[in-house]
Amino acid sequence: MPKILVVDDDKRIVKMVEQFLLLNNMSVITAYDGKDAIALMDERVDLVLLDVNMDEMGGMETCQWIRQRYKVPILFLSANTSSSDKILGLGYGADDYITKPFDPMELIARIQAHLRRHQVYNEAVRAGSQVKFGDFTFNKSAHRLLKGDQELVLSSTEFRLLSFLIDHPNVVFTRKTLLAEVWESEHYDENTVTAYIKRLRQKIRLGDDDQAYIKSVRGVGYIFEAELEKVEG
């Protein structure tokens, strides 16, 4: 049974979400601010539902702290509905951004999708599937991206996206195709792909060139171009 950490300073929302999750055979632990959420991360949490606007350590700061230490999916649940707020949330390392008020069934569907994809990538990746490009080493089985000896932190969605691109080098993909292959859901729009591509580019940049590896193809989409070298071990 997956364990979900629900974090929101509105106790009514926490209780409502908890009831939905319990009805869908999920275990729930709750917190009402970021500091309490951090203290609960040692409970082997499988996914975090996180409010953005909290008085005691906000959601963005909490998300960043969790992402630097844990690879679990993080979903923001926020009343902030603007595109800039969503992009900012994704920039802090979240895997998804759901606005309030929300459809309970859509919330459950998104949680289940993230849990399923996270499990698949944790259990079914090939042992020793490690490749190098430029100064970067991508280890699929260990869920790690290194630049030299420095590990770069990837969210689970960033990992899936980069993994898909590396598995299909020199192929142009539309945003719609990337949505279907990486997100496997109709609940997202193409702006989500754009935001994640931007985040990945910042992490695998070559000097000042953030499009050295993930290039834009005008009017079509994106292509991953790099000389890949398989690494043993």
Protein backbone atom coordinates (compact mmCIF):
# COMPACT_ATOMS: atom_id res chain seq x y z
CA MET A 1 0.00 0.00 0.00
CA PRO A 2 1.60 3.32 -1.06
CA LYS A 3 2.20 5.89 1.67
CA ILE A 4 1.25 9.47 0.79
CA LEU A 5 2.38 12.51 2.75
CA VAL A 6 -0.27 15.27 2.59
CA VAL A 7 0.97 18.74 3.59
CA ASP A 8 -1.36 21.73 3.87
CA ASP A 9 -2.01 24.32 6.57
CA ASP A 10 -5.76 24.07 5.87
CA LYS A 11 -6.83 21.13 8.02
CA ARG A 12 -10.13 20.80 6.15
CA ILE A 13 -8.33 20.18 2.88
CA VAL A 14 -5.96 17.73 4.54
CA LYS A 15 -8.91 15.78 5.93
CA MET A 16 -10.76 15.77 2.60
CA VAL A 17 -7.72 14.62 0.63
CA GLU A 18 -6.96 12.00 3.28
CA GLN A 19 -10.46 10.54 2.90
CA PHE A 20 -10.13 10.32 -0.90
CA LEU A 21 -6.77 8.58 -0.60
CA LEU A 22 -7.96 6.10 2.01
CA LEU A 23 -10.94 5.20 -0.19
CA ASN A 24 -8.43 4.38 -2.94
CA ASN A 25 -6.34 2.04 -0.79
CA MET A 26 -3.52 4.42 0.04
CA SER A 27 -1.89 4.96 3.41
CA VAL A 28 -1.77 8.59 4.55
CA ILE A 29 0.37 10.64 6.91
CA THR A 30 -0.31 14.35 7.36
CA ALA A 31 1.52 17.57 8.17
CA TYR A 32 0.38 21.18 8.41
CA ASP A 33 3.61 23.00 7.59
CA GLY A 34 6.89 22.43 5.83
CA LYS A 35 8.96 21.74 8.92
CA ASP A 36 6.63 18.97 10.06
CA ALA A 37 6.68 17.53 6.54
CA ILE A 38 10.48 17.38 6.52
CA ALA A 39 10.46 15.57 9.87
CA LEU A 40 8.16 12.89 8.39
CA MET A 41 10.25 12.14 5.31
CA ASP A 42 12.05 9.33 7.14
CA GLU A 43 8.74 7.43 7.18
CA ARG A 44 9.52 5.91 3.74
CA VAL A 45 7.02 8.14 1.97
CA ASP A 46 6.12 7.11 -1.61
CA LEU A 47 4.70 10.47 -2.76
CA VAL A 48 4.25 13.99 -1.37
CA LEU A 49 1.19 16.20 -1.90
CA LEU A 50 2.33 19.70 -0.99
CA ASP A 51 0.53 23.02 -0.62
CA VAL A 52 2.41 26.08 -1.85
CA ASN A 53 1.21 28.83 0.51
CA MET A 54 2.01 27.90 4.11
CA ASP A 55 3.02 30.27 6.90
CA GLU A 56 5.61 28.02 8.54
CA MET A 57 8.13 27.16 5.81
CA GLY A 58 6.41 27.53 2.43
CA GLY A 59 5.82 24.80 -0.11
CA MET A 60 8.51 25.92 -2.55
CA GLU A 61 11.23 25.81 0.10
CA THR A 62 9.93 22.48 1.40
CA CYS A 63 9.86 21.03 -2.11
CA GLN A 64 13.43 22.11 -2.74
CA TRP A 65 14.62 20.56 0.53
CA ILE A 66 12.90 17.24 -0.20
CA ARG A 67 14.07 17.11 -3.81
CA GLN A 68 17.71 17.53 -2.81
CA ARG A 69 17.50 14.46 -0.59
CA TYR A 70 14.73 12.17 -1.88
CA LYS A 71 13.63 10.90 -5.29
CA VAL A 72 9.93 10.52 -4.47
CA PRO A 73 7.32 12.23 -6.70
CA ILE A 74 6.22 15.64 -5.40
CA LEU A 75 2.87 17.11 -6.46
CA PHE A 76 1.92 20.68 -5.66
CA LEU A 77 -1.70 21.31 -4.70
CA SER A 78 -2.17 25.06 -4.89
CA ALA A 79 -4.69 27.87 -5.22
CA ASN A 80 -2.16 29.77 -7.35
CA THR A 81 -3.41 29.22 -10.91
CA SER A 82 -1.17 31.36 -13.12
CA SER A 83 1.23 29.77 -15.61
CA SER A 84 4.16 31.55 -13.97
CA ASP A 85 3.28 29.98 -10.60
CA LYS A 86 3.15 26.54 -12.20
CA ILE A 87 6.49 27.01 -13.96
CA LEU A 88 8.03 28.28 -10.71
CA GLY A 89 6.73 25.24 -8.86
CA LEU A 90 8.16 22.87 -11.44
CA GLY A 91 11.41 24.79 -11.25
CA TYR A 92 11.71 23.96 -7.56
CA GLY A 93 11.65 20.26 -8.42
CA ALA A 94 7.98 19.29 -8.34
CA ASP A 95 6.72 16.57 -10.68
CA ASP A 96 3.25 18.02 -11.07
CA TYR A 97 1.15 21.06 -10.22
CA ILE A 98 -2.57 20.70 -9.50
CA THR A 99 -4.73 23.77 -8.90
CA LYS A 100 -7.49 24.21 -6.34
CA PRO A 101 -10.36 23.59 -6.55
CA PHE A 102 -9.59 20.18 -7.98
CA ASP A 103 -11.51 17.17 -9.21
CA PRO A 104 -10.91 14.39 -6.64
CA MET A 105 -10.89 11.71 -9.33
CA GLU A 106 -8.34 13.63 -11.38
CA LEU A 107 -6.18 14.00 -8.27
CA ILE A 108 -6.33 10.25 -7.65
CA ALA A 109 -5.57 9.53 -11.31
CA ARG A 110 -2.50 11.75 -11.27
CA ILE A 111 -1.23 10.28 -8.01
CA GLN A 112 -1.67 6.74 -9.33
CA ALA A 113 0.08 7.64 -12.59
CA HIS A 114 3.09 9.10 -10.76
CA LEU A 115 3.28 6.12 -8.40
CA ARG A 116 3.09 3.68 -11.31
CA ARG A 117 5.78 5.42 -13.36
CA HIS A 118 8.04 5.81 -10.33
CA GLN A 119 7.75 2.09 -9.56
CA VAL A 120 8.36 1.07 -13.16
CA TYR A 121 11.53 3.13 -13.41
CA ASN A 122 12.77 1.89 -10.06
CA GLU A 123 12.17 -1.79 -10.76
CA ALA A 124 12.49 -2.32 -14.48
CA VAL A 125 15.53 -0.30 -15.52
CA ARG A 126 18.41 -2.28 -16.94
CA ALA A 127 21.32 -2.98 -14.62
CA GLY A 128 24.45 -1.12 -15.66
CA SER A 129 22.59 1.06 -18.16
CA GLN A 130 25.13 3.88 -18.01
CA VAL A 131 26.05 6.28 -20.79
CA LYS A 132 28.31 9.31 -21.12
CA PHE A 133 27.85 12.43 -23.22
CA GLY A 134 30.22 15.34 -22.91
CA ASP A 135 31.04 15.83 -19.23
CA PHE A 136 27.87 14.02 -18.15
CA THR A 137 27.30 10.44 -17.03
CA PHE A 138 23.72 9.19 -16.93
CA ASN A 139 23.12 6.03 -14.91
CA LYS A 140 19.60 4.78 -15.46
CA SER A 141 19.75 1.91 -12.99
CA ALA A 142 21.06 4.14 -10.19
CA HIS A 143 18.78 7.05 -11.15
CA ARG A 144 21.79 9.39 -11.23
CA LEU A 145 23.13 12.17 -13.44
CA LEU A 146 26.72 13.23 -12.86
CA LYS A 147 28.67 16.15 -14.24
CA GLY A 148 32.20 15.01 -13.65
CA ASP A 149 32.10 13.87 -10.03
CA GLN A 150 29.22 16.16 -9.09
CA GLU A 151 25.76 14.63 -8.85
CA LEU A 152 22.93 16.71 -10.33
CA VAL A 153 19.55 16.31 -8.68
CA LEU A 154 16.74 15.17 -10.99
CA SER A 155 13.08 14.95 -10.15
CA SER A 156 11.41 11.69 -11.20
CA THR A 157 9.78 13.45 -14.17
CA GLU A 158 13.06 15.04 -15.26
CA PHE A 159 14.64 11.60 -15.03
CA ARG A 160 11.97 9.98 -17.20
CA LEU A 161 12.19 12.74 -19.79
CA LEU A 162 15.98 12.65 -20.02
CA SER A 163 15.95 8.85 -20.07
CA PHE A 164 13.50 8.83 -22.98
CA LEU A 165 15.55 11.36 -24.95
CA ILE A 166 18.78 9.45 -24.35
CA ASP A 167 17.10 6.22 -25.45
CA HIS A 168 16.06 7.95 -28.70
CA PRO A 169 18.96 10.18 -29.80
CA ASN A 170 18.79 12.18 -33.03
CA VAL A 171 15.02 11.77 -33.31
CA VAL A 172 12.71 14.79 -33.43
CA PHE A 173 9.76 14.59 -31.05
CA THR A 174 6.78 16.91 -30.86
CA ARG A 175 5.60 18.12 -27.48
CA LYS A 176 2.45 16.05 -27.98
CA THR A 177 4.50 12.89 -28.49
CA LEU A 178 6.64 13.61 -25.44
CA LEU A 179 3.48 14.06 -23.37
CA ALA A 180 2.20 10.68 -24.52
CA GLU A 181 5.51 8.87 -23.99
CA VAL A 182 6.75 10.45 -20.76
CA TRP A 183 3.64 11.65 -18.93
CA GLU A 184 1.22 9.05 -20.33
CA SER A 185 -1.73 11.22 -19.39
CA GLU A 186 -4.23 13.59 -20.94
CA HIS A 187 -4.25 15.82 -17.86
CA TYR A 188 -1.24 17.88 -19.00
CA ASP A 189 -0.72 20.42 -21.75
CA GLU A 190 2.26 21.12 -23.98
CA ASN A 191 3.44 23.98 -21.73
CA THR A 192 4.39 21.28 -19.22
CA VAL A 193 6.85 19.81 -21.72
CA THR A 194 8.29 23.26 -22.41
CA ALA A 195 8.87 23.87 -18.70
CA TYR A 196 10.63 20.54 -18.17
CA ILE A 197 12.78 20.92 -21.27
CA LYS A 198 13.91 24.30 -19.91
CA ARG A 199 14.79 22.72 -16.57
CA LEU A 200 16.77 19.91 -18.17
CA ARG A 201 18.64 22.33 -20.41
CA GLN A 202 19.80 24.29 -17.38
CA LYS A 203 21.23 21.10 -15.89
CA ILE A 204 22.96 19.68 -18.98
CA ARG A 205 24.25 22.90 -20.47
CA LEU A 206 27.63 23.14 -22.18
CA GLY A 207 29.19 26.32 -20.87
CA ASP A 208 26.74 29.11 -21.63
CA ASP A 209 24.93 27.01 -24.24
CA ASP A 210 21.83 25.50 -22.64
CA GLN A 211 20.73 23.99 -25.97
CA ALA A 212 23.93 22.06 -26.65
CA TYR A 213 22.20 18.69 -26.27
CA ILE A 214 18.44 19.31 -26.36
CA LYS A 215 17.85 21.38 -29.46
CA SER A 216 14.66 23.04 -30.65
CA VAL A 217 13.37 22.19 -34.10
CA ARG A 218 11.35 25.18 -35.20
CA GLY A 219 7.68 24.43 -35.66
CA VAL A 220 8.10 20.77 -34.67
CA GLY A 221 9.57 20.06 -31.23
CA TYR A 222 12.86 18.87 -29.75
CA ILE A 223 15.78 16.59 -30.57
CA PHE A 224 18.50 15.17 -28.33
CA GLU A 225 21.87 15.33 -30.10
CA ALA A 226 24.99 13.95 -28.47
CA GLU A 227 27.71 11.38 -28.98
CA LEU A 228 26.73 8.68 -26.50
CA GLU A 229 29.32 6.34 -25.03
CA LYS A 230 28.24 3.23 -23.14
CA VAL A 231 30.04 2.75 -19.85
CA GLU A 232 30.54 -0.63 -18.19
CA GLY A 233 29.39 -1.13 -14.63
